Amino acid sequence: METAIILITSILGVVLTFYVSTKMEHGAVRASAGLSLTVGIFFYLFPAILSPYLIHNIPLAFMGASFVGMVSEKIIHNYLVLALAGIMFSILYLNTGSYFEGFGGALGTTASISVIVIMGIGLLHKRFKKITKSSK
């Protein structure tokens, strides 16, 4: 159950940051910082609302996912793809977070890898579409 909550938190972090940044025109940094601060303050003020694991990890997962949501509309503009990037971030966050310590920040590194993986999948998808289209 805790893993599912982290997964949902990551998706929300990506999508909300992207929405506030692009549609509400607040910019990527303001969107990420404002939303992350709001989540962090909420869990600071209400520490008994969830388990200690979630109280500690939800703000971190949200903040890291908000870094993914800072991506430019020119790079990713589809909300489904953004949600997939959030899923990728949460998988990496849950399984490899301690490995990236010291690499310019574990959350930023994990966010960067998430965006690169999703972009790579998109490029591969386009290539396979071209190959199957030309072979017909």
N, C-alpha and C. Protein backbone atom coordinates (compact mmCIF):
# COMPACT_ATOMS: atom_id res chain seq x y z
N MET A 1 0.82 -1.19 0.00
CA MET A 1 0.00 0.00 0.00
C MET A 1 0.87 1.26 0.00
N GLU A 2 1.96 1.25 0.77
CA GLU A 2 2.83 2.41 0.82
C GLU A 2 3.49 2.68 -0.52
N THR A 3 3.82 1.61 -1.24
CA THR A 3 4.41 1.77 -2.56
C THR A 3 3.43 2.43 -3.52
N ALA A 4 2.17 2.03 -3.45
CA ALA A 4 1.15 2.64 -4.31
C ALA A 4 0.97 4.12 -4.00
N ILE A 5 1.06 4.48 -2.74
CA ILE A 5 0.92 5.88 -2.36
C ILE A 5 2.10 6.70 -2.90
N ILE A 6 3.30 6.15 -2.83
CA ILE A 6 4.47 6.83 -3.39
C ILE A 6 4.32 6.97 -4.90
N LEU A 7 3.81 5.94 -5.56
CA LEU A 7 3.58 5.96 -7.00
C LEU A 7 2.60 7.07 -7.38
N ILE A 8 1.49 7.15 -6.67
CA ILE A 8 0.48 8.18 -6.93
C ILE A 8 1.04 9.57 -6.64
N THR A 9 1.79 9.68 -5.56
CA THR A 9 2.43 10.95 -5.21
C THR A 9 3.35 11.42 -6.32
N SER A 10 4.12 10.51 -6.89
CA SER A 10 5.06 10.87 -7.96
C SER A 10 4.32 11.32 -9.21
N ILE A 11 3.27 10.62 -9.56
CA ILE A 11 2.48 11.02 -10.73
C ILE A 11 1.88 12.40 -10.51
N LEU A 12 1.32 12.62 -9.34
CA LEU A 12 0.74 13.94 -9.03
C LEU A 12 1.81 15.03 -9.04
N GLY A 13 2.98 14.73 -8.50
CA GLY A 13 4.06 15.71 -8.48
C GLY A 13 4.46 16.15 -9.88
N VAL A 14 4.58 15.19 -10.79
CA VAL A 14 4.95 15.51 -12.17
C VAL A 14 3.86 16.32 -12.86
N VAL A 15 2.65 15.79 -12.83
CA VAL A 15 1.55 16.40 -13.58
C VAL A 15 1.18 17.78 -13.02
N LEU A 16 1.08 17.90 -11.71
CA LEU A 16 0.72 19.19 -11.12
C LEU A 16 1.80 20.25 -11.39
N THR A 17 3.05 19.89 -11.26
CA THR A 17 4.12 20.84 -11.53
C THR A 17 4.09 21.29 -12.98
N PHE A 18 3.93 20.35 -13.89
CA PHE A 18 3.87 20.70 -15.31
C PHE A 18 2.68 21.61 -15.59
N TYR A 19 1.53 21.28 -15.01
CA TYR A 19 0.32 22.08 -15.23
C TYR A 19 0.49 23.50 -14.69
N VAL A 20 0.95 23.62 -13.47
CA VAL A 20 1.13 24.95 -12.87
C VAL A 20 2.19 25.74 -13.64
N SER A 21 3.22 25.07 -14.10
CA SER A 21 4.29 25.72 -14.84
C SER A 21 3.82 26.21 -16.20
N THR A 22 3.11 25.37 -16.94
CA THR A 22 2.77 25.69 -18.33
C THR A 22 1.40 26.33 -18.48
N LYS A 23 0.38 25.74 -17.93
CA LYS A 23 -0.99 26.24 -18.13
C LYS A 23 -1.31 27.44 -17.25
N MET A 24 -0.78 27.45 -16.06
CA MET A 24 -1.01 28.59 -15.17
C MET A 24 0.10 29.63 -15.30
N GLU A 25 1.12 29.30 -16.11
CA GLU A 25 2.21 30.20 -16.48
C GLU A 25 2.98 30.77 -15.28
N HIS A 26 3.29 29.90 -14.32
CA HIS A 26 4.09 30.34 -13.17
C HIS A 26 5.57 30.05 -13.36
N GLY A 27 5.92 29.27 -14.37
CA GLY A 27 7.31 28.90 -14.60
C GLY A 27 7.66 27.64 -13.83
N ALA A 28 8.65 26.95 -14.32
CA ALA A 28 9.00 25.64 -13.78
C ALA A 28 9.53 25.72 -12.35
N VAL A 29 10.39 26.67 -12.07
CA VAL A 29 11.00 26.75 -10.74
C VAL A 29 9.95 27.12 -9.69
N ARG A 30 9.14 28.12 -9.99
CA ARG A 30 8.11 28.54 -9.04
C ARG A 30 7.09 27.43 -8.81
N ALA A 31 6.70 26.73 -9.87
CA ALA A 31 5.74 25.64 -9.73
C ALA A 31 6.30 24.53 -8.85
N SER A 32 7.52 24.11 -9.13
CA SER A 32 8.14 23.04 -8.35
C SER A 32 8.32 23.45 -6.89
N ALA A 33 8.86 24.64 -6.68
CA ALA A 33 9.13 25.09 -5.32
C ALA A 33 7.84 25.31 -4.53
N GLY A 34 6.87 25.93 -5.14
CA GLY A 34 5.61 26.22 -4.44
C GLY A 34 4.86 24.97 -4.05
N LEU A 35 4.74 24.05 -4.99
CA LEU A 35 4.02 22.81 -4.70
C LEU A 35 4.78 21.95 -3.69
N SER A 36 6.09 21.85 -3.84
CA SER A 36 6.89 21.05 -2.91
C SER A 36 6.84 21.64 -1.51
N LEU A 37 6.90 22.95 -1.41
CA LEU A 37 6.82 23.61 -0.11
C LEU A 37 5.46 23.36 0.54
N THR A 38 4.40 23.40 -0.25
CA THR A 38 3.06 23.15 0.27
C THR A 38 2.94 21.73 0.83
N VAL A 39 3.43 20.76 0.07
CA VAL A 39 3.38 19.37 0.53
C VAL A 39 4.25 19.18 1.77
N GLY A 40 5.44 19.75 1.75
CA GLY A 40 6.34 19.63 2.90
C GLY A 40 5.76 20.24 4.16
N ILE A 41 5.18 21.43 4.05
CA ILE A 41 4.57 22.08 5.22
C ILE A 41 3.38 21.29 5.73
N PHE A 42 2.57 20.75 4.81
CA PHE A 42 1.41 19.97 5.23
C PHE A 42 1.84 18.79 6.11
N PHE A 43 2.85 18.05 5.66
CA PHE A 43 3.28 16.88 6.43
C PHE A 43 4.09 17.26 7.67
N TYR A 44 4.66 18.46 7.67
CA TYR A 44 5.33 18.95 8.88
C TYR A 44 4.30 19.30 9.95
N LEU A 45 3.20 19.90 9.52
CA LEU A 45 2.15 20.31 10.47
C LEU A 45 1.29 19.15 10.96
N PHE A 46 1.16 18.11 10.14
CA PHE A 46 0.33 16.97 10.50
C PHE A 46 1.16 15.67 10.45
N PRO A 47 2.10 15.51 11.37
CA PRO A 47 3.01 14.35 11.31
C PRO A 47 2.36 13.02 11.70
N ALA A 48 1.20 13.05 12.30
CA ALA A 48 0.58 11.79 12.74
C ALA A 48 -0.49 11.29 11.78
N ILE A 49 -0.63 11.94 10.64
CA ILE A 49 -1.71 11.59 9.72
C ILE A 49 -1.47 10.25 9.01
N LEU A 50 -0.21 9.91 8.76
CA LEU A 50 0.16 8.66 8.09
C LEU A 50 1.31 8.00 8.83
N SER A 51 1.77 6.89 8.30
CA SER A 51 2.91 6.18 8.92
C SER A 51 4.17 7.03 8.82
N PRO A 52 5.13 6.81 9.72
CA PRO A 52 6.39 7.57 9.65
C PRO A 52 7.11 7.41 8.31
N TYR A 53 7.04 6.23 7.72
CA TYR A 53 7.65 6.01 6.40
C TYR A 53 7.06 6.96 5.37
N LEU A 54 5.74 7.06 5.32
CA LEU A 54 5.10 7.93 4.34
C LEU A 54 5.30 9.40 4.66
N ILE A 55 5.28 9.76 5.93
CA ILE A 55 5.51 11.15 6.33
C ILE A 55 6.89 11.61 5.86
N HIS A 56 7.85 10.70 5.91
CA HIS A 56 9.21 11.03 5.46
C HIS A 56 9.32 11.02 3.94
N ASN A 57 8.71 10.03 3.28
CA ASN A 57 8.95 9.81 1.85
C ASN A 57 8.01 10.55 0.91
N ILE A 58 6.81 10.86 1.32
CA ILE A 58 5.90 11.58 0.41
C ILE A 58 6.47 12.93 0.01
N PRO A 59 6.92 13.77 0.95
CA PRO A 59 7.50 15.05 0.50
C PRO A 59 8.72 14.89 -0.41
N LEU A 60 9.56 13.91 -0.12
CA LEU A 60 10.74 13.68 -0.95
C LEU A 60 10.35 13.20 -2.35
N ALA A 61 9.42 12.26 -2.40
CA ALA A 61 8.97 11.75 -3.70
C ALA A 61 8.28 12.85 -4.50
N PHE A 62 7.47 13.65 -3.83
CA PHE A 62 6.78 14.74 -4.53
C PHE A 62 7.79 15.75 -5.07
N MET A 63 8.76 16.13 -4.25
CA MET A 63 9.75 17.11 -4.70
C MET A 63 10.56 16.58 -5.87
N GLY A 64 11.02 15.34 -5.79
CA GLY A 64 11.77 14.76 -6.90
C GLY A 64 10.94 14.66 -8.16
N ALA A 65 9.68 14.26 -8.00
CA ALA A 65 8.79 14.17 -9.16
C ALA A 65 8.52 15.55 -9.74
N SER A 66 8.50 16.56 -8.88
CA SER A 66 8.28 17.91 -9.40
C SER A 66 9.44 18.35 -10.28
N PHE A 67 10.64 17.81 -10.03
CA PHE A 67 11.77 18.09 -10.92
C PHE A 67 11.50 17.52 -12.32
N VAL A 68 10.88 16.36 -12.37
CA VAL A 68 10.49 15.78 -13.67
C VAL A 68 9.46 16.69 -14.33
N GLY A 69 8.53 17.22 -13.55
CA GLY A 69 7.48 18.09 -14.08
C GLY A 69 7.99 19.43 -14.57
N MET A 70 9.25 19.74 -14.31
CA MET A 70 9.84 20.98 -14.79
C MET A 70 10.25 20.89 -16.25
N VAL A 71 10.03 19.75 -16.88
CA VAL A 71 10.42 19.54 -18.27
C VAL A 71 9.68 20.53 -19.18
N SER A 72 10.33 20.92 -20.25
CA SER A 72 9.76 21.86 -21.20
C SER A 72 8.64 21.21 -22.02
N GLU A 73 7.68 22.03 -22.40
CA GLU A 73 6.60 21.54 -23.29
C GLU A 73 7.16 21.08 -24.63
N LYS A 74 8.30 21.60 -25.02
CA LYS A 74 8.92 21.21 -26.29
C LYS A 74 9.46 19.78 -26.21
N ILE A 75 9.77 19.32 -25.02
CA ILE A 75 10.32 17.98 -24.83
C ILE A 75 9.19 16.97 -24.63
N ILE A 76 8.34 17.22 -23.65
CA ILE A 76 7.19 16.35 -23.36
C ILE A 76 5.98 17.25 -23.20
N HIS A 77 4.92 16.98 -23.95
CA HIS A 77 3.73 17.81 -23.85
C HIS A 77 2.45 17.00 -23.63
N ASN A 78 2.59 15.71 -23.54
CA ASN A 78 1.46 14.81 -23.37
C ASN A 78 1.36 14.41 -21.89
N TYR A 79 0.18 14.57 -21.30
CA TYR A 79 0.02 14.26 -19.88
C TYR A 79 0.17 12.77 -19.58
N LEU A 80 -0.18 11.92 -20.52
CA LEU A 80 0.02 10.48 -20.32
C LEU A 80 1.51 10.15 -20.24
N VAL A 81 2.28 10.77 -21.11
CA VAL A 81 3.73 10.56 -21.09
C VAL A 81 4.32 11.12 -19.79
N LEU A 82 3.79 12.25 -19.33
CA LEU A 82 4.23 12.81 -18.05
C LEU A 82 3.92 11.85 -16.91
N ALA A 83 2.74 11.24 -16.94
CA ALA A 83 2.39 10.27 -15.90
C ALA A 83 3.34 9.07 -15.94
N LEU A 84 3.70 8.63 -17.14
CA LEU A 84 4.66 7.53 -17.27
C LEU A 84 6.02 7.94 -16.71
N ALA A 85 6.39 9.19 -16.91
CA ALA A 85 7.65 9.68 -16.33
C ALA A 85 7.56 9.68 -14.80
N GLY A 86 6.39 9.99 -14.26
CA GLY A 86 6.18 9.92 -12.81
C GLY A 86 6.30 8.50 -12.29
N ILE A 87 5.76 7.56 -13.04
CA ILE A 87 5.88 6.15 -12.66
C ILE A 87 7.34 5.72 -12.70
N MET A 88 8.05 6.13 -13.76
CA MET A 88 9.47 5.79 -13.87
C MET A 88 10.24 6.39 -12.70
N PHE A 89 9.94 7.64 -12.35
CA PHE A 89 10.61 8.27 -11.22
C PHE A 89 10.37 7.49 -9.94
N SER A 90 9.12 7.11 -9.69
CA SER A 90 8.82 6.41 -8.43
C SER A 90 9.50 5.05 -8.37
N ILE A 91 9.58 4.36 -9.49
CA ILE A 91 10.28 3.07 -9.53
C ILE A 91 11.75 3.26 -9.18
N LEU A 92 12.36 4.26 -9.80
CA LEU A 92 13.77 4.53 -9.51
C LEU A 92 13.95 5.02 -8.07
N TYR A 93 13.07 5.88 -7.61
CA TYR A 93 13.16 6.41 -6.25
C TYR A 93 13.07 5.29 -5.22
N LEU A 94 12.13 4.40 -5.41
CA LEU A 94 11.92 3.33 -4.44
C LEU A 94 13.03 2.28 -4.45
N ASN A 95 13.65 2.07 -5.61
CA ASN A 95 14.60 0.97 -5.73
C ASN A 95 16.08 1.38 -5.76
N THR A 96 16.36 2.62 -6.10
CA THR A 96 17.77 2.99 -6.27
C THR A 96 18.14 4.29 -5.59
N GLY A 97 17.29 4.84 -4.78
CA GLY A 97 17.55 6.14 -4.18
C GLY A 97 18.89 6.27 -3.49
N SER A 98 19.31 5.28 -2.76
CA SER A 98 20.57 5.37 -2.02
C SER A 98 21.79 5.28 -2.94
N TYR A 99 21.64 4.72 -4.14
CA TYR A 99 22.78 4.59 -5.05
C TYR A 99 23.21 5.93 -5.64
N PHE A 100 22.28 6.89 -5.72
CA PHE A 100 22.58 8.15 -6.38
C PHE A 100 23.03 9.25 -5.43
N GLU A 101 23.19 8.95 -4.18
CA GLU A 101 23.67 9.97 -3.25
C GLU A 101 25.07 10.40 -3.65
N GLY A 102 25.28 11.71 -3.68
CA GLY A 102 26.57 12.24 -4.06
C GLY A 102 26.71 12.55 -5.53
N PHE A 103 25.70 12.28 -6.33
CA PHE A 103 25.72 12.57 -7.76
C PHE A 103 24.93 13.84 -8.06
N GLY A 104 25.22 14.90 -7.34
CA GLY A 104 24.53 16.16 -7.59
C GLY A 104 23.13 16.17 -7.00
N GLY A 105 22.85 15.28 -6.13
CA GLY A 105 21.54 15.20 -5.51
C GLY A 105 20.80 13.99 -6.04
N ALA A 106 20.38 13.15 -5.14
CA ALA A 106 19.72 11.90 -5.53
C ALA A 106 18.40 12.16 -6.25
N LEU A 107 17.63 13.14 -5.77
CA LEU A 107 16.33 13.40 -6.39
C LEU A 107 16.49 13.96 -7.80
N GLY A 108 17.40 14.90 -7.97
CA GLY A 108 17.63 15.48 -9.29
C GLY A 108 18.18 14.47 -10.27
N THR A 109 19.08 13.64 -9.81
CA THR A 109 19.65 12.60 -10.68
C THR A 109 18.57 11.61 -11.09
N THR A 110 17.76 11.19 -10.14
CA THR A 110 16.68 10.25 -10.44
C THR A 110 15.67 10.88 -11.40
N ALA A 111 15.36 12.15 -11.20
CA ALA A 111 14.43 12.84 -12.10
C ALA A 111 15.00 12.92 -13.52
N SER A 112 16.27 13.25 -13.61
CA SER A 112 16.92 13.35 -14.91
C SER A 112 16.90 12.01 -15.64
N ILE A 113 17.23 10.96 -14.94
CA ILE A 113 17.22 9.63 -15.55
C ILE A 113 15.81 9.25 -16.00
N SER A 114 14.82 9.61 -15.22
CA SER A 114 13.43 9.31 -15.58
C SER A 114 13.03 9.98 -16.89
N VAL A 115 13.37 11.25 -17.03
CA VAL A 115 13.04 11.98 -18.26
C VAL A 115 13.80 11.39 -19.45
N ILE A 116 15.07 11.07 -19.26
CA ILE A 116 15.87 10.51 -20.35
C ILE A 116 15.31 9.15 -20.79
N VAL A 117 14.91 8.32 -19.85
CA VAL A 117 14.34 7.01 -20.19
C VAL A 117 13.04 7.18 -20.97
N ILE A 118 12.18 8.07 -20.52
CA ILE A 118 10.89 8.28 -21.20
C ILE A 118 11.12 8.85 -22.60
N MET A 119 12.07 9.77 -22.73
CA MET A 119 12.39 10.31 -24.05
C MET A 119 12.94 9.21 -24.96
N GLY A 120 13.79 8.34 -24.41
CA GLY A 120 14.34 7.23 -25.18
C GLY A 120 13.27 6.27 -25.65
N ILE A 121 12.31 5.98 -24.79
CA ILE A 121 11.20 5.10 -25.17
C ILE A 121 10.40 5.74 -26.29
N GLY A 122 10.19 7.05 -26.20
CA GLY A 122 9.47 7.76 -27.25
C GLY A 122 10.19 7.70 -28.58
N LEU A 123 11.51 7.88 -28.57
CA LEU A 123 12.29 7.79 -29.80
C LEU A 123 12.26 6.39 -30.39
N LEU A 124 12.37 5.39 -29.53
CA LEU A 124 12.30 4.01 -30.01
C LEU A 124 10.93 3.71 -30.62
N HIS A 125 9.89 4.21 -29.99
CA HIS A 125 8.54 4.02 -30.51
C HIS A 125 8.39 4.63 -31.90
N LYS A 126 8.91 5.83 -32.09
CA LYS A 126 8.86 6.47 -33.42
C LYS A 126 9.64 5.68 -34.45
N ARG A 127 10.80 5.17 -34.05
CA ARG A 127 11.62 4.38 -34.99
C ARG A 127 10.90 3.11 -35.41
N PHE A 128 10.31 2.40 -34.44
CA PHE A 128 9.60 1.16 -34.77
C PHE A 128 8.38 1.44 -35.64
N LYS A 129 7.72 2.58 -35.43
CA LYS A 129 6.59 2.93 -36.28
C LYS A 129 7.05 3.14 -37.72
N LYS A 130 8.21 3.81 -37.89
CA LYS A 130 8.76 4.04 -39.22
C LYS A 130 9.14 2.72 -39.89
N ILE A 131 9.78 1.85 -39.12
CA ILE A 131 10.23 0.57 -39.68
C ILE A 131 9.05 -0.27 -40.10
N THR A 132 8.03 -0.37 -39.26
CA THR A 132 6.87 -1.19 -39.61
C THR A 132 6.07 -0.55 -40.74
N LYS A 133 6.06 0.76 -40.80
CA LYS A 133 5.34 1.46 -41.87
C LYS A 133 6.03 1.25 -43.21
N SER A 134 7.36 1.30 -43.23
CA SER A 134 8.10 1.15 -44.49
C SER A 134 8.17 -0.30 -44.95
N SER A 135 7.98 -1.26 -44.07
CA SER A 135 8.05 -2.67 -44.45
C SER A 135 6.74 -3.17 -45.03
N LYS A 136 5.71 -2.38 -44.93
CA LYS A 136 4.39 -2.82 -45.46
C LYS A 136 4.26 -2.54 -46.91
